[in-house]
C-alpha cells in the first residue's frame, strides 16, 4: 500500500473511532441505571486506539466533562476524572493487542479500580461514613451493587466499541487497503 492510501486509512480509522466515542458519550446523558454507562469503556477504547497519549486522554475526559454539564457536578469529580484517566492508561496497556480476553480483563480492571478509588474517596471526603475501619467497610459494601453496574457497563460498551470498530474496519478500511494493494500489484505486473 502506498503512503497516500496508508494516510487515508489512518484518517478513516481515526474518524471511525472519534464518531464511535461521541455516539457512546451521548448515551451517558440518556437515563440509565446508576453506573451502567459507557464512559469507562470509552476510556479503555480511547487509550487503546490512539497512539498520541494526549488525544487518548483528552477524548474520554472531555466526554465526561460534557456529560457532567448535563447530569451535574459534584465534589468528588476530580477523583472520578483521575479514575477514568487510569482507565485510559489501562487501554494504553491494551494497545493493539486486542483480544476478547485482554479486552475483558481491561474492562474488569477498569471497573475494579473505579470501585476501589471512588468508594475510598466517598469514605474519606463524602461525609457519609465514619472515618473508621467499620465506616470504610460499610462504604465499600454499600458500593457493591454499583460495582456490578460499572462492570456490566464497561463490559457491554467495550464489546460494542471494540467489536463495532473491528466490524467497521472490515467493512470500510480493509476493502480500501485490499483495493490499493491490488492496484499496486496490477501496476507491477
Protein backbone atom coordinates (compact mmCIF):
# COMPACT_ATOMS: atom_id res chain seq x y z
CA UNK A 1 0.00 0.00 0.00
CA UNK A 2 1.43 3.39 -0.91
CA UNK A 3 1.84 6.25 1.54
CA UNK A 4 -1.28 8.10 0.35
CA UNK A 5 -3.52 5.07 0.88
CA UNK A 6 -1.97 4.47 4.33
CA UNK A 7 -2.65 8.10 5.24
CA UNK A 8 -6.27 7.83 4.03
CA UNK A 9 -6.76 4.60 6.01
CA UNK A 10 -5.32 6.25 9.13
CA UNK A 11 -7.67 9.23 8.77
CA UNK A 12 -10.63 6.90 8.23
CA UNK A 13 -9.69 4.83 11.30
CA UNK A 14 -9.41 7.98 13.40
CA UNK A 15 -12.75 9.29 12.17
CA UNK A 16 -14.46 5.99 12.95
CA UNK A 17 -13.01 5.97 16.48
CA UNK A 18 -14.00 9.58 17.18
CA UNK A 19 -17.54 9.04 15.86
CA UNK A 20 -17.94 5.93 18.00
CA UNK A 21 -16.69 7.77 21.10
CA UNK A 22 -19.03 10.71 20.51
CA UNK A 23 -22.03 8.41 19.99
CA UNK A 24 -21.21 6.44 23.13
CA UNK A 25 -20.72 9.66 25.11
CA UNK A 26 -24.22 10.79 24.16
CA UNK A 27 -25.56 7.65 25.84
CA UNK A 28 -24.20 8.91 29.16
CA UNK A 29 -26.85 11.64 29.35
CA UNK A 30 -29.70 9.30 28.42
CA UNK A 31 -31.44 7.93 31.53
CA UNK A 32 -29.76 4.69 32.65
CA UNK A 33 -29.24 2.68 35.85
CA UNK A 34 -26.56 4.08 38.17
CA UNK A 35 -23.03 3.41 36.82
CA UNK A 36 -24.29 1.46 33.80
CA UNK A 37 -22.68 3.98 31.47
CA UNK A 38 -20.22 3.92 28.57
CA UNK A 39 -17.57 6.25 29.97
CA UNK A 40 -15.26 3.53 31.36
CA UNK A 41 -15.36 1.67 28.06
CA UNK A 42 -14.77 4.95 26.20
CA UNK A 43 -11.64 5.48 28.30
CA UNK A 44 -10.36 1.94 27.57
CA UNK A 45 -11.20 2.25 23.88
CA UNK A 46 -9.60 5.67 23.50
CA UNK A 47 -6.47 4.56 25.34
CA UNK A 48 -6.14 1.54 23.08
CA UNK A 49 -6.92 3.24 19.79
CA UNK A 50 -4.93 6.48 19.81
CA UNK A 51 -1.15 6.44 19.53
CA UNK A 52 -0.86 10.02 20.77
CA UNK A 53 -1.37 9.95 24.53
CA UNK A 54 -2.82 13.45 24.75
CA UNK A 55 -5.64 12.52 22.35
CA UNK A 56 -6.24 9.23 24.16
CA UNK A 57 -6.71 11.10 27.45
CA UNK A 58 -8.47 14.18 26.07
CA UNK A 59 -11.43 12.49 24.35
CA UNK A 60 -12.85 10.47 27.26
CA UNK A 61 -12.20 13.24 29.80
CA UNK A 62 -13.85 15.80 27.50
CA UNK A 63 -16.77 13.37 27.06
CA UNK A 64 -17.03 13.07 30.83
CA UNK A 65 -16.99 16.86 31.25
CA UNK A 66 -19.60 17.35 28.52
CA UNK A 67 -21.85 14.78 30.19
CA UNK A 68 -21.34 16.38 33.61
CA UNK A 69 -22.63 19.65 32.18
CA UNK A 70 -25.95 17.85 31.67
CA UNK A 71 -26.08 15.50 34.67
CA UNK A 72 -24.42 17.83 37.18
CA UNK A 73 -21.17 18.40 39.02
CA UNK A 74 -20.19 17.06 42.44
CA UNK A 75 -17.34 17.36 44.91
CA UNK A 76 -15.72 14.02 44.01
CA UNK A 77 -15.35 14.90 40.32
CA UNK A 78 -11.56 15.19 40.41
CA UNK A 79 -11.36 11.66 41.84
CA UNK A 80 -13.75 10.32 39.19
CA UNK A 81 -11.76 12.03 36.42
CA UNK A 82 -8.50 10.64 37.80
CA UNK A 83 -10.03 7.17 37.87
CA UNK A 84 -11.08 7.44 34.23
CA UNK A 85 -7.57 8.64 33.37
CA UNK A 86 -6.35 5.36 34.92
CA UNK A 87 -8.80 3.52 32.65
CA UNK A 88 -7.24 5.32 29.66
CA UNK A 89 -3.84 4.09 30.89
CA UNK A 90 -5.23 0.55 31.09
CA UNK A 91 -6.40 0.99 27.48
CA UNK A 92 -2.92 2.13 26.50
CA UNK A 93 -1.55 -1.05 28.08
CA UNK A 94 -4.05 -2.97 25.95
CA UNK A 95 -2.73 -1.20 22.85
CA UNK A 96 -3.11 -3.04 19.58
CA UNK A 97 -3.05 -6.45 21.25
CA UNK A 98 -6.85 -6.53 21.41
CA UNK A 99 -8.18 -9.99 22.09
CA UNK A 100 -11.50 -10.79 23.72
CA UNK A 101 -9.70 -11.98 26.87
CA UNK A 102 -7.50 -8.88 27.11
CA UNK A 103 -10.42 -6.52 26.48
CA UNK A 104 -12.46 -8.38 29.11
CA UNK A 105 -9.55 -8.20 31.54
CA UNK A 106 -9.11 -4.49 30.85
CA UNK A 107 -12.84 -3.89 31.43
CA UNK A 108 -12.62 -5.77 34.74
CA UNK A 109 -9.50 -3.83 35.84
CA UNK A 110 -11.12 -0.54 34.87
CA UNK A 111 -14.28 -1.29 36.83
CA UNK A 112 -12.32 -2.59 39.82
CA UNK A 113 -10.02 0.43 40.09
CA UNK A 114 -13.01 2.77 39.69
CA UNK A 115 -14.79 0.95 42.54
CA UNK A 116 -11.76 0.99 44.84
CA UNK A 117 -10.79 4.62 44.16
CA UNK A 118 -14.21 6.26 44.15
CA UNK A 119 -15.51 4.38 47.17
CA UNK A 120 -12.38 5.23 49.14
CA UNK A 121 -12.89 8.89 48.16
CA UNK A 122 -16.56 8.69 49.17
CA UNK A 123 -15.49 7.40 52.59
CA UNK A 124 -12.64 9.90 53.01
CA UNK A 125 -14.30 13.01 51.55
CA UNK A 126 -18.02 12.34 51.28
CA UNK A 127 -19.00 12.85 54.91
CA UNK A 128 -21.47 9.95 54.87
CA UNK A 129 -19.40 7.36 56.72
CA UNK A 130 -17.41 7.49 59.96
CA UNK A 131 -13.64 7.66 59.46
CA UNK A 132 -13.14 4.20 60.93
CA UNK A 133 -12.40 0.76 59.56
CA UNK A 134 -16.06 -0.09 60.06
CA UNK A 135 -17.06 3.05 58.14
CA UNK A 136 -14.73 2.16 55.28
CA UNK A 137 -16.10 -1.38 55.20
CA UNK A 138 -19.68 -0.04 55.21
CA UNK A 139 -18.83 2.32 52.34
CA UNK A 140 -17.39 -0.47 50.20
CA UNK A 141 -20.32 -2.78 51.00
CA UNK A 142 -22.79 -0.06 50.01
CA UNK A 143 -20.89 0.34 46.73
CA UNK A 144 -21.02 -3.32 45.68
CA UNK A 145 -24.28 -3.02 43.67
CA UNK A 146 -22.76 -0.07 41.82
CA UNK A 147 -19.64 -2.13 41.07
CA UNK A 148 -21.72 -4.72 39.25
CA UNK A 149 -23.36 -2.00 37.18
CA UNK A 150 -19.96 -0.46 36.41
CA UNK A 151 -18.57 -3.82 35.37
CA UNK A 152 -21.64 -4.60 33.25
CA UNK A 153 -21.49 -1.17 31.58
CA UNK A 154 -17.76 -1.37 30.93
CA UNK A 155 -18.03 -4.91 29.53
CA UNK A 156 -21.12 -4.16 27.42
CA UNK A 157 -19.85 -0.91 25.94
CA UNK A 158 -16.30 -2.22 25.49
CA UNK A 159 -17.78 -5.07 23.48
CA UNK A 160 -19.81 -2.61 21.40
CA UNK A 161 -16.90 -0.20 20.86
CA UNK A 162 -14.12 -2.71 20.18
CA UNK A 163 -16.43 -5.08 18.29
CA UNK A 164 -18.01 -2.24 16.33
CA UNK A 165 -14.59 -0.92 15.40
CA UNK A 166 -13.43 -4.34 14.22
CA UNK A 167 -16.56 -4.63 12.10
CA UNK A 168 -16.19 -1.10 10.70
CA UNK A 169 -12.56 -1.80 9.90
CA UNK A 170 -13.54 -4.91 7.92
CA UNK A 171 -16.32 -3.08 6.08
CA UNK A 172 -14.74 0.31 5.40
CA UNK A 173 -10.97 0.03 5.70
CA UNK A 174 -9.92 -3.48 4.65
CA UNK A 175 -11.57 -3.27 1.21
CA UNK A 176 -9.74 0.03 0.56
CA UNK A 177 -6.43 -1.46 1.64
CA UNK A 178 -7.01 -4.58 -0.46
CA UNK A 179 -8.01 -2.43 -3.45
CA UNK A 180 -4.86 -0.31 -3.09
CA UNK A 181 -2.72 -3.41 -2.85
CA UNK A 182 -4.40 -4.96 -5.91
CA UNK A 183 -3.80 -1.70 -7.86
CA UNK A 184 -0.15 -1.76 -6.91
CA UNK A 185 0.19 -5.41 -7.99
CA UNK A 186 -1.57 -4.65 -11.28
CA UNK A 187 0.87 -1.80 -11.99
CA UNK A 188 3.87 -4.03 -11.23
CA UNK A 189 2.63 -6.86 -13.47
